[in-house]
Amino acid sequence: MMISQKQSFTQTYAFALLKSFLIWSFTLAVCMLVVGFPIVVLTATIGSLTAIVLQPVLPMSAVLLVAGSIFIANFLGILLSAAMLTAKGIHPQEVSWLNWLHGENRKPKATIYAACPLTCGVIS
């Protein structure tokens, strides 16, 4: 009985870690695409200049080498960041700026206009 409960606990814990890692990976990838656009432009510019410099040395594969290393660096950066956040025990549901993960439909507060104290009690 204790062995089955222990296995169930470890499976649940492993599933929670995997779920947290995957959510962090997705969130960081989306943030990199949306918010990190200036970084992507800067990386593309540096990559283009690097490919131009490497072209005389590696005529056939300079662009492939630079593009592949930029892609791998971004991919590994996202995965390592997600692994670090998961290892520290920071769950995506606990982060306040990730409102879409909370699962609650938070309705915006009712709009109060400047004229409302004068006209809200008037029945039309």
PDB file of N, CA and C in Angstrom:
ATOM      1  N   MET A   1       0.825  -1.193   0.000  1.00  0.00           N
ATOM      2  CA  MET A   1       0.000   0.000   0.000  1.00  0.00           C
ATOM      3  C   MET A   1       0.864   1.249   0.000  1.00  0.00           C
ATOM      4  N   MET A   2       1.902   1.268   0.833  1.00  0.00           N
ATOM      5  CA  MET A   2       2.781   2.437   0.910  1.00  0.00           C
ATOM      6  C   MET A   2       3.573   2.609  -0.374  1.00  0.00           C
ATOM      7  N   ILE A   3       3.954   1.490  -0.991  1.00  0.00           N
ATOM      8  CA  ILE A   3       4.738   1.562  -2.226  1.00  0.00           C
ATOM      9  C   ILE A   3       3.902   2.173  -3.334  1.00  0.00           C
ATOM     10  N   SER A   4       2.650   1.791  -3.446  1.00  0.00           N
ATOM     11  CA  SER A   4       1.798   2.340  -4.499  1.00  0.00           C
ATOM     12  C   SER A   4       1.517   3.822  -4.265  1.00  0.00           C
ATOM     13  N   GLN A   5       1.373   4.229  -3.003  1.00  0.00           N
ATOM     14  CA  GLN A   5       1.163   5.645  -2.720  1.00  0.00           C
ATOM     15  C   GLN A   5       2.421   6.448  -3.031  1.00  0.00           C
ATOM     16  N   LYS A   6       3.587   5.872  -2.732  1.00  0.00           N
ATOM     17  CA  LYS A   6       4.847   6.565  -3.013  1.00  0.00           C
ATOM     18  C   LYS A   6       5.049   6.706  -4.514  1.00  0.00           C
ATOM     19  N   GLN A   7       4.750   5.654  -5.280  1.00  0.00           N
ATOM     20  CA  GLN A   7       4.875   5.725  -6.727  1.00  0.00           C
ATOM     21  C   GLN A   7       3.900   6.726  -7.311  1.00  0.00           C
ATOM     22  N   SER A   8       2.694   6.763  -6.784  1.00  0.00           N
ATOM     23  CA  SER A   8       1.688   7.713  -7.243  1.00  0.00           C
ATOM     24  C   SER A   8       2.151   9.145  -6.971  1.00  0.00           C
ATOM     25  N   PHE A   9       2.747   9.355  -5.781  1.00  0.00           N
ATOM     26  CA  PHE A   9       3.238  10.689  -5.439  1.00  0.00           C
ATOM     27  C   PHE A   9       4.363  11.113  -6.368  1.00  0.00           C
ATOM     28  N   THR A  10       5.308  10.209  -6.634  1.00  0.00           N
ATOM     29  CA  THR A  10       6.430  10.561  -7.499  1.00  0.00           C
ATOM     30  C   THR A  10       5.969  10.790  -8.930  1.00  0.00           C
ATOM     31  N   GLN A  11       4.982  10.031  -9.385  1.00  0.00           N
ATOM     32  CA  GLN A  11       4.447  10.244 -10.726  1.00  0.00           C
ATOM     33  C   GLN A  11       3.730  11.584 -10.809  1.00  0.00           C
ATOM     34  N   THR A  12       2.974  11.924  -9.781  1.00  0.00           N
ATOM     35  CA  THR A  12       2.281  13.204  -9.752  1.00  0.00           C
ATOM     36  C   THR A  12       3.273  14.356  -9.708  1.00  0.00           C
ATOM     37  N   TYR A  13       4.318  14.209  -8.898  1.00  0.00           N
ATOM     38  CA  TYR A  13       5.343  15.248  -8.799  1.00  0.00           C
ATOM     39  C   TYR A  13       6.097  15.401 -10.119  1.00  0.00           C
ATOM     40  N   ALA A  14       6.430  14.281 -10.759  1.00  0.00           N
ATOM     41  CA  ALA A  14       7.120  14.338 -12.052  1.00  0.00           C
ATOM     42  C   ALA A  14       6.235  14.982 -13.108  1.00  0.00           C
ATOM     43  N   PHE A  15       4.946  14.667 -13.083  1.00  0.00           N
ATOM     44  CA  PHE A  15       4.020  15.274 -14.032  1.00  0.00           C
ATOM     45  C   PHE A  15       3.900  16.778 -13.795  1.00  0.00           C
ATOM     46  N   ALA A  16       3.874  17.189 -12.531  1.00  0.00           N
ATOM     47  CA  ALA A  16       3.792  18.618 -12.214  1.00  0.00           C
ATOM     48  C   ALA A  16       5.052  19.349 -12.670  1.00  0.00           C
ATOM     49  N   LEU A  17       6.221  18.727 -12.478  1.00  0.00           N
ATOM     50  CA  LEU A  17       7.468  19.329 -12.952  1.00  0.00           C
ATOM     51  C   LEU A  17       7.495  19.433 -14.469  1.00  0.00           C
ATOM     52  N   LEU A  18       7.068  18.383 -15.150  1.00  0.00           N
ATOM     53  CA  LEU A  18       7.041  18.406 -16.612  1.00  0.00           C
ATOM     54  C   LEU A  18       6.063  19.456 -17.122  1.00  0.00           C
ATOM     55  N   LYS A  19       4.907  19.541 -16.486  1.00  0.00           N
ATOM     56  CA  LYS A  19       3.905  20.538 -16.875  1.00  0.00           C
ATOM     57  C   LYS A  19       4.439  21.949 -16.662  1.00  0.00           C
ATOM     58  N   SER A  20       5.089  22.191 -15.540  1.00  0.00           N
ATOM     59  CA  SER A  20       5.664  23.501 -15.263  1.00  0.00           C
ATOM     60  C   SER A  20       6.752  23.839 -16.276  1.00  0.00           C
ATOM     61  N   PHE A  21       7.615  22.873 -16.592  1.00  0.00           N
ATOM     62  CA  PHE A  21       8.682  23.091 -17.567  1.00  0.00           C
ATOM     63  C   PHE A  21       8.116  23.419 -18.946  1.00  0.00           C
ATOM     64  N   LEU A  22       7.101  22.692 -19.371  1.00  0.00           N
ATOM     65  CA  LEU A  22       6.519  22.931 -20.696  1.00  0.00           C
ATOM     66  C   LEU A  22       5.800  24.278 -20.766  1.00  0.00           C
ATOM     67  N   ILE A  23       5.115  24.647 -19.699  1.00  0.00           N
ATOM     68  CA  ILE A  23       4.439  25.944 -19.686  1.00  0.00           C
ATOM     69  C   ILE A  23       5.464  27.070 -19.698  1.00  0.00           C
ATOM     70  N   TRP A  24       6.552  26.924 -18.911  1.00  0.00           N
ATOM     71  CA  TRP A  24       7.607  27.941 -18.929  1.00  0.00           C
ATOM     72  C   TRP A  24       8.255  28.027 -20.307  1.00  0.00           C
ATOM     73  N   SER A  25       8.486  26.882 -20.945  1.00  0.00           N
ATOM     74  CA  SER A  25       9.090  26.888 -22.277  1.00  0.00           C
ATOM     75  C   SER A  25       8.213  27.629 -23.269  1.00  0.00           C
ATOM     76  N   PHE A  26       6.915  27.340 -23.254  1.00  0.00           N
ATOM     77  CA  PHE A  26       5.994  28.011 -24.162  1.00  0.00           C
ATOM     78  C   PHE A  26       5.917  29.506 -23.867  1.00  0.00           C
ATOM     79  N   THR A  27       5.825  29.859 -22.602  1.00  0.00           N
ATOM     80  CA  THR A  27       5.714  31.267 -22.219  1.00  0.00           C
ATOM     81  C   THR A  27       6.966  32.044 -22.606  1.00  0.00           C
ATOM     82  N   LEU A  28       8.130  31.479 -22.349  1.00  0.00           N
ATOM     83  CA  LEU A  28       9.365  32.167 -22.692  1.00  0.00           C
ATOM     84  C   LEU A  28       9.566  32.258 -24.198  1.00  0.00           C
ATOM     85  N   ALA A  29       9.126  31.245 -24.945  1.00  0.00           N
ATOM     86  CA  ALA A  29       9.230  31.308 -26.406  1.00  0.00           C
ATOM     87  C   ALA A  29       8.324  32.406 -26.964  1.00  0.00           C
ATOM     88  N   VAL A  30       7.109  32.506 -26.440  1.00  0.00           N
ATOM     89  CA  VAL A  30       6.194  33.554 -26.897  1.00  0.00           C
ATOM     90  C   VAL A  30       6.732  34.936 -26.521  1.00  0.00           C
ATOM     91  N   CYS A  31       7.252  35.062 -25.307  1.00  0.00           N
ATOM     92  CA  CYS A  31       7.835  36.342 -24.890  1.00  0.00           C
ATOM     93  C   CYS A  31       9.027  36.709 -25.757  1.00  0.00           C
ATOM     94  N   MET A  32       9.820  35.717 -26.144  1.00  0.00           N
ATOM     95  CA  MET A  32      10.969  35.991 -27.002  1.00  0.00           C
ATOM     96  C   MET A  32      10.520  36.467 -28.378  1.00  0.00           C
ATOM     97  N   LEU A  33       9.431  35.917 -28.874  1.00  0.00           N
ATOM     98  CA  LEU A  33       8.942  36.334 -30.188  1.00  0.00           C
ATOM     99  C   LEU A  33       8.268  37.693 -30.149  1.00  0.00           C
ATOM    100  N   VAL A  34       7.509  37.947 -29.115  1.00  0.00           N
ATOM    101  CA  VAL A  34       6.710  39.169 -29.064  1.00  0.00           C
ATOM    102  C   VAL A  34       7.490  40.326 -28.442  1.00  0.00           C
ATOM    103  N   VAL A  35       7.929  40.143 -27.227  1.00  0.00           N
ATOM    104  CA  VAL A  35       8.581  41.219 -26.497  1.00  0.00           C
ATOM    105  C   VAL A  35      10.041  41.360 -26.925  1.00  0.00           C
ATOM    106  N   GLY A  36      10.677  40.244 -27.274  1.00  0.00           N
ATOM    107  CA  GLY A  36      12.088  40.272 -27.602  1.00  0.00           C
ATOM    108  C   GLY A  36      12.389  40.594 -29.046  1.00  0.00           C
ATOM    109  N   PHE A  37      11.474  41.238 -29.747  1.00  0.00           N
ATOM    110  CA  PHE A  37      11.688  41.544 -31.158  1.00  0.00           C
ATOM    111  C   PHE A  37      12.934  42.385 -31.398  1.00  0.00           C
ATOM    112  N   PRO A  38      13.209  43.412 -30.588  1.00  0.00           N
ATOM    113  CA  PRO A  38      14.466  44.148 -30.805  1.00  0.00           C
ATOM    114  C   PRO A  38      15.709  43.278 -30.632  1.00  0.00           C
ATOM    115  N   ILE A  39      15.652  42.329 -29.721  1.00  0.00           N
ATOM    116  CA  ILE A  39      16.779  41.414 -29.547  1.00  0.00           C
ATOM    117  C   ILE A  39      16.930  40.525 -30.781  1.00  0.00           C
ATOM    118  N   VAL A  40      15.806  40.094 -31.346  1.00  0.00           N
ATOM    119  CA  VAL A  40      15.848  39.271 -32.555  1.00  0.00           C
ATOM    120  C   VAL A  40      16.436  40.063 -33.715  1.00  0.00           C
ATOM    121  N   VAL A  41      16.064  41.321 -33.851  1.00  0.00           N
ATOM    122  CA  VAL A  41      16.611  42.160 -34.920  1.00  0.00           C
ATOM    123  C   VAL A  41      18.111  42.352 -34.726  1.00  0.00           C
ATOM    124  N   LEU A  42      18.532  42.618 -33.510  1.00  0.00           N
ATOM    125  CA  LEU A  42      19.955  42.776 -33.224  1.00  0.00           C
ATOM    126  C   LEU A  42      20.724  41.480 -33.487  1.00  0.00           C
ATOM    127  N   THR A  43      20.160  40.357 -33.091  1.00  0.00           N
ATOM    128  CA  THR A  43      20.795  39.067 -33.328  1.00  0.00           C
ATOM    129  C   THR A  43      20.894  38.775 -34.824  1.00  0.00           C
ATOM    130  N   ALA A  44      19.853  39.102 -35.581  1.00  0.00           N
ATOM    131  CA  ALA A  44      19.882  38.881 -37.029  1.00  0.00           C
ATOM    132  C   ALA A  44      20.934  39.766 -37.693  1.00  0.00           C
ATOM    133  N   THR A  45      21.071  40.998 -37.224  1.00  0.00           N
ATOM    134  CA  THR A  45      22.078  41.893 -37.778  1.00  0.00           C
ATOM    135  C   THR A  45      23.487  41.374 -37.499  1.00  0.00           C
ATOM    136  N   ILE A  46      23.741  40.970 -36.276  1.00  0.00           N
ATOM    137  CA  ILE A  46      25.056  40.433 -35.928  1.00  0.00           C
ATOM    138  C   ILE A  46      25.309  39.122 -36.681  1.00  0.00           C
ATOM    139  N   GLY A  47      24.278  38.309 -36.829  1.00  0.00           N
ATOM    140  CA  GLY A  47      24.419  37.057 -37.583  1.00  0.00           C
ATOM    141  C   GLY A  47      24.728  37.297 -39.047  1.00  0.00           C
ATOM    142  N   SER A  48      24.089  38.299 -39.637  1.00  0.00           N
ATOM    143  CA  SER A  48      24.367  38.627 -41.044  1.00  0.00           C
ATOM    144  C   SER A  48      25.806  39.083 -41.217  1.00  0.00           C
ATOM    145  N   LEU A  49      26.259  39.943 -40.321  1.00  0.00           N
ATOM    146  CA  LEU A  49      27.646  40.411 -40.401  1.00  0.00           C
ATOM    147  C   LEU A  49      28.628  39.260 -40.174  1.00  0.00           C
ATOM    148  N   THR A  50      28.295  38.355 -39.276  1.00  0.00           N
ATOM    149  CA  THR A  50      29.161  37.199 -39.032  1.00  0.00           C
ATOM    150  C   THR A  50      29.211  36.287 -40.255  1.00  0.00           C
ATOM    151  N   ALA A  51      28.078  36.092 -40.915  1.00  0.00           N
ATOM    152  CA  ALA A  51      28.050  35.258 -42.119  1.00  0.00           C
ATOM    153  C   ALA A  51      28.866  35.894 -43.239  1.00  0.00           C
ATOM    154  N   ILE A  52      28.810  37.211 -43.343  1.00  0.00           N
ATOM    155  CA  ILE A  52      29.605  37.903 -44.365  1.00  0.00           C
ATOM    156  C   ILE A  52      31.094  37.740 -44.078  1.00  0.00           C
ATOM    157  N   VAL A  53      31.477  37.844 -42.820  1.00  0.00           N
ATOM    158  CA  VAL A  53      32.882  37.687 -42.449  1.00  0.00           C
ATOM    159  C   VAL A  53      33.347  36.246 -42.675  1.00  0.00           C
ATOM    160  N   LEU A  54      32.493  35.258 -42.381  1.00  0.00           N
ATOM    161  CA  LEU A  54      32.872  33.856 -42.541  1.00  0.00           C
ATOM    162  C   LEU A  54      32.779  33.353 -43.973  1.00  0.00           C
ATOM    163  N   GLN A  55      32.163  34.101 -44.863  1.00  0.00           N
ATOM    164  CA  GLN A  55      31.966  33.656 -46.247  1.00  0.00           C
ATOM    165  C   GLN A  55      33.282  33.311 -46.951  1.00  0.00           C
ATOM    166  N   PRO A  56      34.360  34.107 -46.824  1.00  0.00           N
ATOM    167  CA  PRO A  56      35.610  33.713 -47.490  1.00  0.00           C
ATOM    168  C   PRO A  56      36.233  32.438 -46.903  1.00  0.00           C
ATOM    169  N   VAL A  57      36.010  32.189 -45.615  1.00  0.00           N
ATOM    170  CA  VAL A  57      36.613  31.020 -44.979  1.00  0.00           C
ATOM    171  C   VAL A  57      35.790  29.757 -45.251  1.00  0.00           C
ATOM    172  N   LEU A  58      34.485  29.860 -45.112  1.00  0.00           N
ATOM    173  CA  LEU A  58      33.568  28.728 -45.322  1.00  0.00           C
ATOM    174  C   LEU A  58      32.549  29.106 -46.404  1.00  0.00           C
ATOM    175  N   PRO A  59      32.925  29.022 -47.695  1.00  0.00           N
ATOM    176  CA  PRO A  59      32.044  29.545 -48.738  1.00  0.00           C
ATOM    177  C   PRO A  59      30.676  28.861 -48.827  1.00  0.00           C
ATOM    178  N   MET A  60      30.610  27.556 -48.561  1.00  0.00           N
ATOM    179  CA  MET A  60      29.342  26.861 -48.760  1.00  0.00           C
ATOM    180  C   MET A  60      28.457  26.853 -47.511  1.00  0.00           C
ATOM    181  N   SER A  61      29.065  26.935 -46.351  1.00  0.00           N
ATOM    182  CA  SER A  61      28.255  26.702 -45.160  1.00  0.00           C
ATOM    183  C   SER A  61      28.292  27.840 -44.148  1.00  0.00           C
ATOM    184  N   ALA A  62      28.726  29.016 -44.516  1.00  0.00           N
ATOM    185  CA  ALA A  62      28.810  30.111 -43.543  1.00  0.00           C
ATOM    186  C   ALA A  62      27.427  30.526 -43.051  1.00  0.00           C
ATOM    187  N   VAL A  63      26.492  30.688 -43.975  1.00  0.00           N
ATOM    188  CA  VAL A  63      25.143  31.117 -43.594  1.00  0.00           C
ATOM    189  C   VAL A  63      24.451  30.028 -42.776  1.00  0.00           C
ATOM    190  N   LEU A  64      24.628  28.787 -43.199  1.00  0.00           N
ATOM    191  CA  LEU A  64      24.019  27.677 -42.467  1.00  0.00           C
ATOM    192  C   LEU A  64      24.593  27.561 -41.058  1.00  0.00           C
ATOM    193  N   LEU A  65      25.890  27.728 -40.935  1.00  0.00           N
ATOM    194  CA  LEU A  65      26.538  27.655 -39.631  1.00  0.00           C
ATOM    195  C   LEU A  65      26.053  28.773 -38.701  1.00  0.00           C
ATOM    196  N   VAL A  66      25.990  29.984 -39.218  1.00  0.00           N
ATOM    197  CA  VAL A  66      25.571  31.122 -38.385  1.00  0.00           C
ATOM    198  C   VAL A  66      24.090  31.015 -38.025  1.00  0.00           C
ATOM    199  N   ALA A  67      23.255  30.687 -39.002  1.00  0.00           N
ATOM    200  CA  ALA A  67      21.816  30.577 -38.724  1.00  0.00           C
ATOM    201  C   ALA A  67      21.533  29.439 -37.750  1.00  0.00           C
ATOM    202  N   GLY A  68      22.222  28.319 -37.928  1.00  0.00           N
ATOM    203  CA  GLY A  68      22.030  27.190 -37.022  1.00  0.00           C
ATOM    204  C   GLY A  68      22.478  27.503 -35.611  1.00  0.00           C
ATOM    205  N   SER A  69      23.620  28.199 -35.485  1.00  0.00           N
ATOM    206  CA  SER A  69      24.089  28.516 -34.133  1.00  0.00           C
ATOM    207  C   SER A  69      23.208  29.557 -33.455  1.00  0.00           C
ATOM    208  N   ILE A  70      22.654  30.494 -34.205  1.00  0.00           N
ATOM    209  CA  ILE A  70      21.720  31.463 -33.602  1.00  0.00           C
ATOM    210  C   ILE A  70      20.455  30.750 -33.141  1.00  0.00           C
ATOM    211  N   PHE A  71      19.937  29.855 -33.970  1.00  0.00           N
ATOM    212  CA  PHE A  71      18.728  29.111 -33.619  1.00  0.00           C
ATOM    213  C   PHE A  71      18.969  28.237 -32.387  1.00  0.00           C
ATOM    214  N   ILE A  72      20.086  27.514 -32.371  1.00  0.00           N
ATOM    215  CA  ILE A  72      20.407  26.639 -31.238  1.00  0.00           C
ATOM    216  C   ILE A  72      20.617  27.457 -29.964  1.00  0.00           C
ATOM    217  N   ALA A  73      21.273  28.620 -30.088  1.00  0.00           N
ATOM    218  CA  ALA A  73      21.501  29.462 -28.903  1.00  0.00           C
ATOM    219  C   ALA A  73      20.175  29.948 -28.320  1.00  0.00           C
ATOM    220  N   ASN A  74      19.247  30.387 -29.176  1.00  0.00           N
ATOM    221  CA  ASN A  74      17.934  30.830 -28.694  1.00  0.00           C
ATOM    222  C   ASN A  74      17.158  29.671 -28.076  1.00  0.00           C
ATOM    223  N   PHE A  75      17.193  28.538 -28.738  1.00  0.00           N
ATOM    224  CA  PHE A  75      16.479  27.355 -28.256  1.00  0.00           C
ATOM    225  C   PHE A  75      17.020  26.897 -26.910  1.00  0.00           C
ATOM    226  N   LEU A  76      18.350  26.812 -26.800  1.00  0.00           N
ATOM    227  CA  LEU A  76      18.950  26.400 -25.534  1.00  0.00           C
ATOM    228  C   LEU A  76      18.739  27.442 -24.441  1.00  0.00           C
ATOM    229  N   GLY A  77      18.751  28.720 -24.795  1.00  0.00           N
ATOM    230  CA  GLY A  77      18.485  29.766 -23.805  1.00  0.00           C
ATOM    231  C   GLY A  77      17.091  29.642 -23.218  1.00  0.00           C
ATOM    232  N   ILE A  78      16.116  29.379 -24.069  1.00  0.00           N
ATOM    233  CA  ILE A  78      14.736  29.223 -23.604  1.00  0.00           C
ATOM    234  C   ILE A  78      14.615  27.970 -22.734  1.00  0.00           C
ATOM    235  N   LEU A  79      15.198  26.855 -23.199  1.00  0.00           N
ATOM    236  CA  LEU A  79      15.085  25.614 -22.429  1.00  0.00           C
ATOM    237  C   LEU A  79      15.835  25.695 -21.100  1.00  0.00           C
ATOM    238  N   LEU A  80      17.008  26.298 -21.092  1.00  0.00           N
ATOM    239  CA  LEU A  80      17.750  26.426 -19.830  1.00  0.00           C
ATOM    240  C   LEU A  80      17.048  27.373 -18.860  1.00  0.00           C
ATOM    241  N   SER A  81      16.463  28.443 -19.384  1.00  0.00           N
ATOM    242  CA  SER A  81      15.713  29.353 -18.508  1.00  0.00           C
ATOM    243  C   SER A  81      14.493  28.655 -17.917  1.00  0.00           C
ATOM    244  N   ALA A  82      13.787  27.890 -18.755  1.00  0.00           N
ATOM    245  CA  ALA A  82      12.621  27.153 -18.255  1.00  0.00           C
ATOM    246  C   ALA A  82      13.041  26.111 -17.227  1.00  0.00           C
ATOM    247  N   ALA A  83      14.163  25.436 -17.458  1.00  0.00           N
ATOM    248  CA  ALA A  83      14.645  24.437 -16.502  1.00  0.00           C
ATOM    249  C   ALA A  83      15.061  25.096 -15.193  1.00  0.00           C
ATOM    250  N   MET A  84      15.693  26.268 -15.280  1.00  0.00           N
ATOM    251  CA  MET A  84      16.112  26.965 -14.063  1.00  0.00           C
ATOM    252  C   MET A  84      14.897  27.422 -13.253  1.00  0.00           C
ATOM    253  N   LEU A  85      13.896  27.986 -13.928  1.00  0.00           N
ATOM    254  CA  LEU A  85      12.696  28.426 -13.215  1.00  0.00           C
ATOM    255  C   LEU A  85      11.954  27.246 -12.598  1.00  0.00           C
ATOM    256  N   THR A  86      11.921  26.123 -13.307  1.00  0.00           N
ATOM    257  CA  THR A  86      11.259  24.937 -12.775  1.00  0.00           C
ATOM    258  C   THR A  86      12.041  24.370 -11.590  1.00  0.00           C
ATOM    259  N   ALA A  87      13.366  24.354 -11.701  1.00  0.00           N
ATOM    260  CA  ALA A  87      14.188  23.813 -10.609  1.00  0.00           C
ATOM    261  C   ALA A  87      14.106  24.668  -9.351  1.00  0.00           C
ATOM    262  N   LYS A  88      13.938  25.981  -9.533  1.00  0.00           N
ATOM    263  CA  LYS A  88      13.807  26.858  -8.365  1.00  0.00           C
ATOM    264  C   LYS A  88      12.436  26.746  -7.715  1.00  0.00           C
ATOM    265  N   GLY A  89      11.509  26.075  -8.374  1.00  0.00           N
ATOM    266  CA  GLY A  89      10.179  25.889  -7.801  1.00  0.00           C
ATOM    267  C   GLY A  89       9.232  27.034  -8.073  1.00  0.00           C
ATOM    268  N   ILE A  90       9.537  27.852  -9.052  1.00  0.00           N
ATOM    269  CA  ILE A  90       8.649  28.956  -9.418  1.00  0.00           C
ATOM    270  C   ILE A  90       7.647  28.415 -10.424  1.00  0.00           C
ATOM    271  N   HIS A  91       6.411  28.309 -10.014  1.00  0.00           N
ATOM    272  CA  HIS A  91       5.375  27.780 -10.888  1.00  0.00           C
ATOM    273  C   HIS A  91       4.745  28.921 -11.672  1.00  0.00           C
ATOM    274  N   PRO A  92       4.432  28.694 -12.943  1.00  0.00           N
ATOM    275  CA  PRO A  92       3.865  29.771 -13.775  1.00  0.00           C
ATOM    276  C   PRO A  92       2.541  30.318 -13.243  1.00  0.00           C
ATOM    277  N   GLN A  93       1.783  29.488 -12.528  1.00  0.00           N
ATOM    278  CA  GLN A  93       0.503  29.952 -11.997  1.00  0.00           C
ATOM    279  C   GLN A  93       0.689  30.951 -10.865  1.00  0.00           C
ATOM    280  N   GLU A  94       1.876  31.005 -10.260  1.00  0.00           N
ATOM    281  CA  GLU A  94       2.126  31.907  -9.141  1.00  0.00           C
ATOM    282  C   GLU A  94       2.619  33.283  -9.586  1.00  0.00           C
ATOM    283  N   VAL A  95       2.936  33.427 -10.865  1.00  0.00           N
ATOM    284  CA  VAL A  95       3.472  34.687 -11.372  1.00  0.00           C
ATOM    285  C   VAL A  95       2.299  35.603 -11.699  1.00  0.00           C
ATOM    286  N   SER A  96       2.322  36.802 -11.162  1.00  0.00           N
ATOM    287  CA  SER A  96       1.165  37.688 -11.275  1.00  0.00           C
ATOM    288  C   SER A  96       0.975  38.239 -12.687  1.00  0.00           C
ATOM    289  N   TRP A  97       2.044  38.404 -13.466  1.00  0.00           N
ATOM    290  CA  TRP A  97       1.887  39.003 -14.791  1.00  0.00           C
ATOM    291  C   TRP A  97       1.487  37.997 -15.858  1.00  0.00           C
ATOM    292  N   LEU A  98       1.319  36.739 -15.480  1.00  0.00           N
ATOM    293  CA  LEU A  98       0.818  35.729 -16.402  1.00  0.00           C
ATOM    294  C   LEU A  98      -0.663  35.479 -16.120  1.00  0.00           C
ATOM    295  N   ASN A  99      -1.491  36.471 -16.360  1.00  0.00           N
ATOM    296  CA  ASN A  99      -2.908  36.391 -15.995  1.00  0.00           C
ATOM    297  C   ASN A  99      -3.647  35.288 -16.742  1.00  0.00           C
ATOM    298  N   TRP A 100      -3.246  34.989 -17.959  1.00  0.00           N
ATOM    299  CA  TRP A 100      -3.965  33.988 -18.748  1.00  0.00           C
ATOM    300  C   TRP A 100      -3.764  32.580 -18.213  1.00  0.00           C
ATOM    301  N   LEU A 101      -2.807  32.371 -17.321  1.00  0.00           N
ATOM    302  CA  LEU A 101      -2.590  31.046 -16.751  1.00  0.00           C
ATOM    303  C   LEU A 101      -3.442  30.774 -15.515  1.00  0.00           C
ATOM    304  N   HIS A 102      -4.008  31.788 -14.942  1.00  0.00           N
ATOM    305  CA  HIS A 102      -4.744  31.629 -13.697  1.00  0.00           C
ATOM    306  C   HIS A 102      -6.082  30.926 -13.896  1.00  0.00           C
ATOM    307  N   GLY A 103      -6.615  30.934 -15.110  1.00  0.00           N
ATOM    308  CA  GLY A 103      -7.849  30.243 -15.397  1.00  0.00           C
ATOM    309  C   GLY A 103      -9.097  30.956 -14.928  1.00  0.00           C
ATOM    310  N   GLU A 104      -8.948  32.119 -14.377  1.00  0.00           N
ATOM    311  CA  GLU A 104     -10.101  32.871 -13.901  1.00  0.00           C
ATOM    312  C   GLU A 104     -10.440  33.944 -14.927  1.00  0.00           C
ATOM    313  N   ASN A 105     -11.705  34.129 -15.139  1.00  0.00           N
ATOM    314  CA  ASN A 105     -12.138  35.217 -16.009  1.00  0.00           C
ATOM    315  C   ASN A 105     -12.302  36.460 -15.157  1.00  0.00           C
ATOM    316  N   ARG A 106     -11.302  37.273 -15.186  1.00  0.00           N
ATOM    317  CA  ARG A 106     -11.361  38.500 -14.398  1.00  0.00           C
ATOM    318  C   ARG A 106     -11.990  39.588 -15.245  1.00  0.00           C
ATOM    319  N   LYS A 107     -13.164  39.995 -14.816  1.00  0.00           N
ATOM    320  CA  LYS A 107     -13.877  41.035 -15.550  1.00  0.00           C
ATOM    321  C   LYS A 107     -13.304  42.385 -15.162  1.00  0.00           C
ATOM    322  N   PRO A 108     -13.181  43.265 -16.146  1.00  0.00           N
ATOM    323  CA  PRO A 108     -12.685  44.602 -15.803  1.00  0.00           C
ATOM    324  C   PRO A 108     -13.700  45.332 -14.933  1.00  0.00           C
ATOM    325  N   LYS A 109     -13.193  46.248 -14.144  1.00  0.00           N
ATOM    326  CA  LYS A 109     -14.065  47.012 -13.272  1.00  0.00           C
ATOM    327  C   LYS A 109     -14.970  47.906 -14.113  1.00  0.00           C
ATOM    328  N   ALA A 110     -16.132  48.214 -13.562  1.00  0.00           N
ATOM    329  CA  ALA A 110     -17.083  49.061 -14.265  1.00  0.00           C
ATOM    330  C   ALA A 110     -16.494  50.451 -14.455  1.00  0.00           C
ATOM    331  N   THR A 111     -16.719  51.003 -15.623  1.00  0.00           N
ATOM    332  CA  THR A 111     -16.196  52.323 -15.938  1.00  0.00           C
ATOM    333  C   THR A 111     -17.032  53.381 -15.242  1.00  0.00           C
ATOM    334  N   ILE A 112     -16.367  54.302 -14.599  1.00  0.00           N
ATOM    335  CA  ILE A 112     -17.054  55.414 -13.934  1.00  0.00           C
ATOM    336  C   ILE A 112     -16.679  56.690 -14.678  1.00  0.00           C
ATOM    337  N   TYR A 113     -17.673  57.316 -15.240  1.00  0.00           N
ATOM    338  CA  TYR A 113     -17.438  58.554 -15.979  1.00  0.00           C
ATOM    339  C   TYR A 113     -17.516  59.745 -15.026  1.00  0.00           C
ATOM    340  N   ALA A 114     -16.975  60.858 -15.449  1.00  0.00           N
ATOM    341  CA  ALA A 114     -16.959  62.045 -14.598  1.00  0.00           C
ATOM    342  C   ALA A 114     -18.365  62.557 -14.298  1.00  0.00           C
ATOM    343  N   ALA A 115     -19.273  62.379 -15.249  1.00  0.00           N
ATOM    344  CA  ALA A 115     -20.642  62.866 -15.068  1.00  0.00           C
ATOM    345  C   ALA A 115     -21.531  61.876 -14.350  1.00  0.00           C
ATOM    346  N   CYS A 116     -21.044  60.744 -13.986  1.00  0.00           N
ATOM    347  CA  CYS A 116     -21.871  59.711 -13.375  1.00  0.00           C
ATOM    348  C   CYS A 116     -22.508  60.144 -12.066  1.00  0.00           C
ATOM    349  N   PRO A 117     -21.823  60.825 -11.164  1.00  0.00           N
ATOM    350  CA  PRO A 117     -22.503  61.227  -9.939  1.00  0.00           C
ATOM    351  C   PRO A 117     -23.719  62.134 -10.200  1.00  0.00           C
ATOM    352  N   LEU A 118     -23.699  62.837 -11.315  1.00  0.00           N
ATOM    353  CA  LEU A 118     -24.830  63.722 -11.629  1.00  0.00           C
ATOM    354  C   LEU A 118     -25.942  63.010 -12.371  1.00  0.00           C
ATOM    355  N   THR A 119     -25.593  62.013 -13.195  1.00  0.00           N
ATOM    356  CA  THR A 119     -26.599  61.429 -14.079  1.00  0.00           C
ATOM    357  C   THR A 119     -26.951  59.981 -13.783  1.00  0.00           C
ATOM    358  N   CYS A 120     -26.212  59.313 -12.939  1.00  0.00           N
ATOM    359  CA  CYS A 120     -26.468  57.890 -12.705  1.00  0.00           C
ATOM    360  C   CYS A 120     -27.805  57.648 -12.005  1.00  0.00           C
ATOM    361  N   GLY A 121     -28.266  58.584 -11.200  1.00  0.00           N
ATOM    362  CA  GLY A 121     -29.522  58.398 -10.488  1.00  0.00           C
ATOM    363  C   GLY A 121     -30.731  58.814 -11.312  1.00  0.00           C
ATOM    364  N   VAL A 122     -30.532  59.366 -12.482  1.00  0.00           N
ATOM    365  CA  VAL A 122     -31.645  59.818 -13.322  1.00  0.00           C
ATOM    366  C   VAL A 122     -32.221  58.634 -14.067  1.00  0.00           C
ATOM    367  N   ILE A 123     -33.538  58.471 -13.959  1.00  0.00           N
ATOM    368  CA  ILE A 123     -34.228  57.392 -14.656  1.00  0.00           C
ATOM    369  C   ILE A 123     -34.738  57.961 -15.977  1.00  0.00           C
ATOM    370  N   SER A 124     -34.362  57.298 -17.066  1.00  0.00           N
ATOM    371  CA  SER A 124     -34.793  57.836 -18.372  1.00  0.00           C
ATOM    372  C   SER A 124     -36.042  57.197 -18.888  1.00  0.00           C
TER     373      SER A 124
END
